[in-house]
């Protein structure tokens, strides 16, 4: 669920271009780690 929230937020960010690409990538990595550890 937390990963789903991050994905939704990331899509919003990509649409609005609000954050730098590095931070977008950081959020994506957090999401991947979340999937791995909470699967």
Protein backbone atom coordinates (compact mmCIF):
# COMPACT_ATOMS: atom_id res chain seq x y z
CA UNK A 1 0.00 0.00 0.00
CA UNK A 2 2.86 2.34 0.82
CA UNK A 3 4.41 1.47 -2.52
CA UNK A 4 1.11 2.24 -4.24
CA UNK A 5 1.12 5.65 -2.55
CA UNK A 6 4.67 6.30 -3.76
CA UNK A 7 3.77 5.30 -7.28
CA UNK A 8 0.78 7.62 -7.30
CA UNK A 9 2.89 10.44 -5.93
CA UNK A 10 5.62 9.74 -8.46
CA UNK A 11 3.13 9.87 -11.34
CA UNK A 12 1.85 13.19 -9.99
CA UNK A 13 5.41 14.50 -9.75
CA UNK A 14 6.26 13.38 -13.27
CA UNK A 15 3.14 15.07 -14.57
CA UNK A 16 3.76 18.32 -12.74
CA UNK A 17 7.57 18.19 -13.10
CA UNK A 18 7.76 19.40 -9.54
CA UNK A 19 10.82 17.49 -8.34
CA UNK A 20 14.26 16.93 -9.85
CA UNK A 21 14.82 13.65 -11.66
CA UNK A 22 17.20 12.39 -8.98
CA UNK A 23 14.50 12.63 -6.34
CA UNK A 24 12.01 10.90 -8.63
CA UNK A 25 14.49 8.06 -9.06
CA UNK A 26 15.03 7.97 -5.29
CA UNK A 27 11.29 7.53 -4.68
CA UNK A 28 11.17 4.80 -7.31
CA UNK A 29 14.05 2.93 -5.62
CA UNK A 30 12.30 3.18 -2.26
CA UNK A 31 9.21 1.67 -3.85
CA UNK A 32 11.24 -1.24 -5.29
CA UNK A 33 12.85 -1.91 -1.92
CA UNK A 34 9.44 -1.80 -0.29
CA UNK A 35 8.18 -4.49 -2.67
CA UNK A 36 11.23 -6.66 -1.99
CA UNK A 37 11.09 -6.47 1.82
CA UNK A 38 7.31 -6.63 2.29
CA UNK A 39 6.40 -9.21 -0.32
